[in-house]
Each structure stands twice: as structure tokens, then as C-alpha cells.
PDB file of N, CA and C in Angstrom:
ATOM      1  N   MET A   1     236.122  27.760 203.324  1.00  0.00           N
ATOM      2  CA  MET A   1     235.845  29.065 202.778  1.00  0.00           C
ATOM      3  C   MET A   1     234.859  29.763 203.712  1.00  0.00           C
ATOM      4  N   VAL A   2     235.080  31.003 203.979  1.00  0.00           N
ATOM      5  CA  VAL A   2     234.230  31.763 204.879  1.00  0.00           C
ATOM      6  C   VAL A   2     232.849  31.954 204.256  1.00  0.00           C
ATOM      7  N   GLY A   3     231.804  31.747 205.056  1.00  0.00           N
ATOM      8  CA  GLY A   3     230.441  31.935 204.588  1.00  0.00           C
ATOM      9  C   GLY A   3     229.816  30.721 203.940  1.00  0.00           C
ATOM     10  N   HIS A   4     230.504  29.601 203.899  1.00  0.00           N
ATOM     11  CA  HIS A   4     229.955  28.377 203.316  1.00  0.00           C
ATOM     12  C   HIS A   4     229.766  27.344 204.411  1.00  0.00           C
ATOM     13  N   GLN A   5     228.821  26.423 204.204  1.00  0.00           N
ATOM     14  CA  GLN A   5     228.575  25.350 205.164  1.00  0.00           C
ATOM     15  C   GLN A   5     229.189  24.056 204.647  1.00  0.00           C
ATOM     16  N   TYR A   6     229.703  23.273 205.579  1.00  0.00           N
ATOM     17  CA  TYR A   6     230.335  22.006 205.238  1.00  0.00           C
ATOM     18  C   TYR A   6     229.813  20.902 206.147  1.00  0.00           C
ATOM     19  N   MET A   7     229.734  19.706 205.599  1.00  0.00           N
ATOM     20  CA  MET A   7     229.472  18.514 206.407  1.00  0.00           C
ATOM     21  C   MET A   7     230.822  17.906 206.738  1.00  0.00           C
ATOM     22  N   VAL A   8     230.979  17.488 207.976  1.00  0.00           N
ATOM     23  CA  VAL A   8     232.251  16.926 208.420  1.00  0.00           C
ATOM     24  C   VAL A   8     232.060  15.436 208.648  1.00  0.00           C
ATOM     25  N   GLY A   9     232.986  14.675 208.125  1.00  0.00           N
ATOM     26  CA  GLY A   9     232.936  13.229 208.310  1.00  0.00           C
ATOM     27  C   GLY A   9     234.315  12.690 208.632  1.00  0.00           C
ATOM     28  N   GLN A  10     234.353  11.485 209.144  1.00  0.00           N
ATOM     29  CA  GLN A  10     235.628  10.853 209.461  1.00  0.00           C
ATOM     30  C   GLN A  10     235.713   9.531 208.729  1.00  0.00           C
ATOM     31  N   ARG A  11     236.809   9.331 208.057  1.00  0.00           N
ATOM     32  CA  ARG A  11     237.033   8.085 207.319  1.00  0.00           C
ATOM     33  C   ARG A  11     237.545   7.000 208.249  1.00  0.00           C
ATOM     34  N   SER A  12     237.559   5.777 207.737  1.00  0.00           N
ATOM     35  CA  SER A  12     237.992   4.639 208.555  1.00  0.00           C
ATOM     36  C   SER A  12     239.462   4.743 208.974  1.00  0.00           C
ATOM     37  N   ASP A  13     240.265   5.489 208.204  1.00  0.00           N
ATOM     38  CA  ASP A  13     241.674   5.648 208.569  1.00  0.00           C
ATOM     39  C   ASP A  13     241.895   6.789 209.556  1.00  0.00           C
ATOM     40  N   GLY A  14     240.800   7.436 210.006  1.00  0.00           N
ATOM     41  CA  GLY A  14     240.902   8.512 210.992  1.00  0.00           C
ATOM     42  C   GLY A  14     240.986   9.899 210.392  1.00  0.00           C
ATOM     43  N   SER A  15     241.144   9.984 209.082  1.00  0.00           N
ATOM     44  CA  SER A  15     241.218  11.305 208.459  1.00  0.00           C
ATOM     45  C   SER A  15     239.841  11.959 208.456  1.00  0.00           C
ATOM     46  N   ILE A  16     239.847  13.275 208.451  1.00  0.00           N
ATOM     47  CA  ILE A  16     238.615  14.057 208.471  1.00  0.00           C
ATOM     48  C   ILE A  16     238.376  14.617 207.084  1.00  0.00           C
ATOM     49  N   ILE A  17     237.130  14.551 206.635  1.00  0.00           N
ATOM     50  CA  ILE A  17     236.785  15.059 205.308  1.00  0.00           C
ATOM     51  C   ILE A  17     235.695  16.119 205.458  1.00  0.00           C
ATOM     52  N   TYR A  18     235.866  17.230 204.748  1.00  0.00           N
ATOM     53  CA  TYR A  18     234.884  18.307 204.721  1.00  0.00           C
ATOM     54  C   TYR A  18     234.231  18.321 203.343  1.00  0.00           C
ATOM     55  N   GLN A  19     232.913  18.241 203.326  1.00  0.00           N
ATOM     56  CA  GLN A  19     232.184  18.279 202.061  1.00  0.00           C
ATOM     57  C   GLN A  19     231.246  19.476 202.077  1.00  0.00           C
ATOM     58  N   PRO A  20     231.264  20.308 201.021  1.00  0.00           N
ATOM     59  CA  PRO A  20     230.362  21.454 200.999  1.00  0.00           C
ATOM     60  C   PRO A  20     228.905  21.008 200.975  1.00  0.00           C
ATOM     61  N   VAL A  21     228.065  21.725 201.713  1.00  0.00           N
ATOM     62  CA  VAL A  21     226.637  21.456 201.734  1.00  0.00           C
ATOM     63  C   VAL A  21     226.022  22.151 200.530  1.00  0.00           C
ATOM     64  N   VAL A  22     225.367  21.381 199.684  1.00  0.00           N
ATOM     65  CA  VAL A  22     224.731  21.926 198.489  1.00  0.00           C
ATOM     66  C   VAL A  22     223.225  21.811 198.677  1.00  0.00           C
ATOM     67  N   GLU A  23     222.554  22.959 198.705  1.00  0.00           N
ATOM     68  CA  GLU A  23     221.105  22.963 198.842  1.00  0.00           C
ATOM     69  C   GLU A  23     220.493  23.047 197.460  1.00  0.00           C
ATOM     70  N   GLU A  24     219.664  22.080 197.142  1.00  0.00           N
ATOM     71  CA  GLU A  24     219.030  22.025 195.835  1.00  0.00           C
ATOM     72  C   GLU A  24     217.789  22.908 195.829  1.00  0.00           C
ATOM     73  N   ASN A  25     217.680  23.737 194.815  1.00  0.00           N
ATOM     74  CA  ASN A  25     216.496  24.561 194.634  1.00  0.00           C
ATOM     75  C   ASN A  25     215.491  23.751 193.825  1.00  0.00           C
ATOM     76  N   ILE A  26     214.374  23.358 194.454  1.00  0.00           N
ATOM     77  CA  ILE A  26     213.417  22.497 193.773  1.00  0.00           C
ATOM     78  C   ILE A  26     212.741  23.191 192.595  1.00  0.00           C
ATOM     79  N   PHE A  27     212.788  24.515 192.550  1.00  0.00           N
ATOM     80  CA  PHE A  27     212.149  25.252 191.467  1.00  0.00           C
ATOM     81  C   PHE A  27     213.110  25.520 190.309  1.00  0.00           C
ATOM     82  N   ASP A  28     214.350  25.070 190.427  1.00  0.00           N
ATOM     83  CA  ASP A  28     215.354  25.326 189.392  1.00  0.00           C
ATOM     84  C   ASP A  28     215.409  24.167 188.394  1.00  0.00           C
ATOM     85  N   ASN A  29     214.279  23.900 187.755  1.00  0.00           N
ATOM     86  CA  ASN A  29     214.232  22.908 186.689  1.00  0.00           C
ATOM     87  C   ASN A  29     213.179  23.356 185.681  1.00  0.00           C
ATOM     88  N   PRO A  30     213.242  22.872 184.466  1.00  0.00           N
ATOM     89  CA  PRO A  30     212.322  23.343 183.415  1.00  0.00           C
ATOM     90  C   PRO A  30     210.852  23.138 183.740  1.00  0.00           C
ATOM     91  N   ASP A  31     210.511  22.064 184.452  1.00  0.00           N
ATOM     92  CA  ASP A  31     209.105  21.819 184.783  1.00  0.00           C
ATOM     93  C   ASP A  31     208.524  22.949 185.625  1.00  0.00           C
ATOM     94  N   TRP A  32     209.262  23.419 186.605  1.00  0.00           N
ATOM     95  CA  TRP A  32     208.764  24.490 187.470  1.00  0.00           C
ATOM     96  C   TRP A  32     208.910  25.855 186.816  1.00  0.00           C
ATOM     97  N   ARG A  33     209.963  26.091 186.048  1.00  0.00           N
ATOM     98  CA  ARG A  33     210.133  27.397 185.394  1.00  0.00           C
ATOM     99  C   ARG A  33     209.028  27.658 184.385  1.00  0.00           C
ATOM    100  N   ASN A  34     208.495  26.623 183.770  1.00  0.00           N
ATOM    101  CA  ASN A  34     207.452  26.778 182.762  1.00  0.00           C
ATOM    102  C   ASN A  34     206.057  26.494 183.315  1.00  0.00           C
ATOM    103  N   TYR A  35     205.940  26.341 184.598  1.00  0.00           N
ATOM    104  CA  TYR A  35     204.658  26.010 185.221  1.00  0.00           C
ATOM    105  C   TYR A  35     203.709  27.213 185.144  1.00  0.00           C
ATOM    106  N   ASP A  36     202.487  26.974 184.720  1.00  0.00           N
ATOM    107  CA  ASP A  36     201.478  28.031 184.593  1.00  0.00           C
ATOM    108  C   ASP A  36     200.428  27.853 185.686  1.00  0.00           C
ATOM    109  N   TYR A  37     200.647  28.518 186.789  1.00  0.00           N
ATOM    110  CA  TYR A  37     199.750  28.384 187.933  1.00  0.00           C
ATOM    111  C   TYR A  37     198.354  28.906 187.614  1.00  0.00           C
ATOM    112  N   GLN A  38     198.265  30.004 186.904  1.00  0.00           N
ATOM    113  CA  GLN A  38     196.960  30.574 186.556  1.00  0.00           C
ATOM    114  C   GLN A  38     196.135  29.602 185.712  1.00  0.00           C
ATOM    115  N   ARG A  39     196.780  28.898 184.795  1.00  0.00           N
ATOM    116  CA  ARG A  39     196.073  27.916 183.980  1.00  0.00           C
ATOM    117  C   ARG A  39     195.512  26.796 184.853  1.00  0.00           C
ATOM    118  N   ASP A  40     196.303  26.343 185.825  1.00  0.00           N
ATOM    119  CA  ASP A  40     195.827  25.294 186.727  1.00  0.00           C
ATOM    120  C   ASP A  40     194.666  25.774 187.591  1.00  0.00           C
ATOM    121  N   LEU A  41     194.697  27.025 187.991  1.00  0.00           N
ATOM    122  CA  LEU A  41     193.568  27.558 188.769  1.00  0.00           C
ATOM    123  C   LEU A  41     192.275  27.494 187.963  1.00  0.00           C
ATOM    124  N   GLN A  42     192.359  27.793 186.666  1.00  0.00           N
ATOM    125  CA  GLN A  42     191.175  27.764 185.815  1.00  0.00           C
ATOM    126  C   GLN A  42     190.725  26.333 185.499  1.00  0.00           C
ATOM    127  N   ALA A  43     191.665  25.420 185.373  1.00  0.00           N
ATOM    128  CA  ALA A  43     191.360  24.060 184.937  1.00  0.00           C
ATOM    129  C   ALA A  43     190.950  23.123 186.077  1.00  0.00           C
ATOM    130  N   ASP A  44     191.420  23.378 187.283  1.00  0.00           N
ATOM    131  CA  ASP A  44     191.175  22.462 188.402  1.00  0.00           C
ATOM    132  C   ASP A  44     189.941  22.911 189.176  1.00  0.00           C
ATOM    133  N   SER A  45     188.889  22.109 189.156  1.00  0.00           N
ATOM    134  CA  SER A  45     187.634  22.477 189.805  1.00  0.00           C
ATOM    135  C   SER A  45     187.780  22.611 191.322  1.00  0.00           C
ATOM    136  N   GLU A  46     188.698  21.879 191.923  1.00  0.00           N
ATOM    137  CA  GLU A  46     188.904  21.996 193.370  1.00  0.00           C
ATOM    138  C   GLU A  46     189.489  23.351 193.745  1.00  0.00           C
ATOM    139  N   LEU A  47     190.298  23.918 192.868  1.00  0.00           N
ATOM    140  CA  LEU A  47     190.907  25.217 193.160  1.00  0.00           C
ATOM    141  C   LEU A  47     189.970  26.375 192.849  1.00  0.00           C
ATOM    142  N   GLN A  48     188.976  26.169 192.024  1.00  0.00           N
ATOM    143  CA  GLN A  48     188.073  27.248 191.638  1.00  0.00           C
ATOM    144  C   GLN A  48     187.163  27.680 192.783  1.00  0.00           C
ATOM    145  N   SER A  49     186.975  26.845 193.766  1.00  0.00           N
ATOM    146  CA  SER A  49     186.096  27.196 194.875  1.00  0.00           C
ATOM    147  C   SER A  49     186.806  28.034 195.935  1.00  0.00           C
ATOM    148  N   LEU A  50     188.073  28.376 195.722  1.00  0.00           N
ATOM    149  CA  LEU A  50     188.804  29.179 196.695  1.00  0.00           C
ATOM    150  C   LEU A  50     188.419  30.640 196.560  1.00  0.00           C
ATOM    151  N   TYR A  51     188.181  31.280 197.690  1.00  0.00           N
ATOM    152  CA  TYR A  51     187.818  32.692 197.698  1.00  0.00           C
ATOM    153  C   TYR A  51     188.836  33.456 198.531  1.00  0.00           C
ATOM    154  N   PRO A  52     189.167  34.686 198.140  1.00  0.00           N
ATOM    155  CA  PRO A  52     190.103  35.470 198.935  1.00  0.00           C
ATOM    156  C   PRO A  52     189.522  35.774 200.316  1.00  0.00           C
ATOM    157  N   VAL A  53     190.372  35.768 201.321  1.00  0.00           N
ATOM    158  CA  VAL A  53     189.911  36.022 202.681  1.00  0.00           C
ATOM    159  C   VAL A  53     190.533  37.284 203.268  1.00  0.00           C
ATOM    160  N   GLY A  54     191.417  37.901 202.530  1.00  0.00           N
ATOM    161  CA  GLY A  54     192.105  39.081 203.050  1.00  0.00           C
ATOM    162  C   GLY A  54     192.430  40.042 201.930  1.00  0.00           C
ATOM    163  N   THR A  55     193.699  40.334 201.788  1.00  0.00           N
ATOM    164  CA  THR A  55     194.131  41.304 200.788  1.00  0.00           C
ATOM    165  C   THR A  55     194.847  40.631 199.621  1.00  0.00           C
ATOM    166  N   GLU A  56     194.461  39.398 199.300  1.00  0.00           N
ATOM    167  CA  GLU A  56     195.086  38.706 198.187  1.00  0.00           C
ATOM    168  C   GLU A  56     194.762  39.407 196.882  1.00  0.00           C
ATOM    169  N   TRP A  57     195.738  39.455 196.010  1.00  0.00           N
ATOM    170  CA  TRP A  57     195.538  40.028 194.677  1.00  0.00           C
ATOM    171  C   TRP A  57     195.423  38.878 193.702  1.00  0.00           C
ATOM    172  N   LEU A  58     194.315  38.808 192.987  1.00  0.00           N
ATOM    173  CA  LEU A  58     194.059  37.701 192.083  1.00  0.00           C
ATOM    174  C   LEU A  58     194.454  38.017 190.650  1.00  0.00           C
ATOM    175  N   GLY A  59     194.934  39.213 190.384  1.00  0.00           N
ATOM    176  CA  GLY A  59     195.417  39.565 189.052  1.00  0.00           C
ATOM    177  C   GLY A  59     194.321  39.808 188.061  1.00  0.00           C
ATOM    178  N   GLU A  60     193.129  40.073 188.486  1.00  0.00           N
ATOM    179  CA  GLU A  60     192.005  40.319 187.570  1.00  0.00           C
ATOM    180  C   GLU A  60     191.762  41.795 187.431  1.00  0.00           C
TER     181      GLU A  60
END
């Protein structure tokens, strides 16, 4: 199919097999969709010492 990537392999009988390349989105699961980054910033003492160095927007 045009515009898709495939992995090409050869079987022991000499035939060639094309398998579509599937890229997994690591953020496409319930753990990441429901992740509250702002809550972690408030709760984690190591992250609280971070200060903006440029034009970051902190949402405050």
C-alpha cells in the first residue's frame, strides 16, 4: 500500500514476506491518558526546585 512501511523477510523456502511496520504510541494507554503532571510537580520535592529559564509557561 502506498505510504505505508513494511519489513521484508525471507522464509526458509525462499518466499518473501512483507509485514507492516506498526509503531506503538507509548502514550496511548489509560495510565498515560489519565496522568496528572501538575499533581506530580506539586508532590515531588525534586521537581519543585525547578525554575523557569526562558519563556516557559507554568500555568499560574
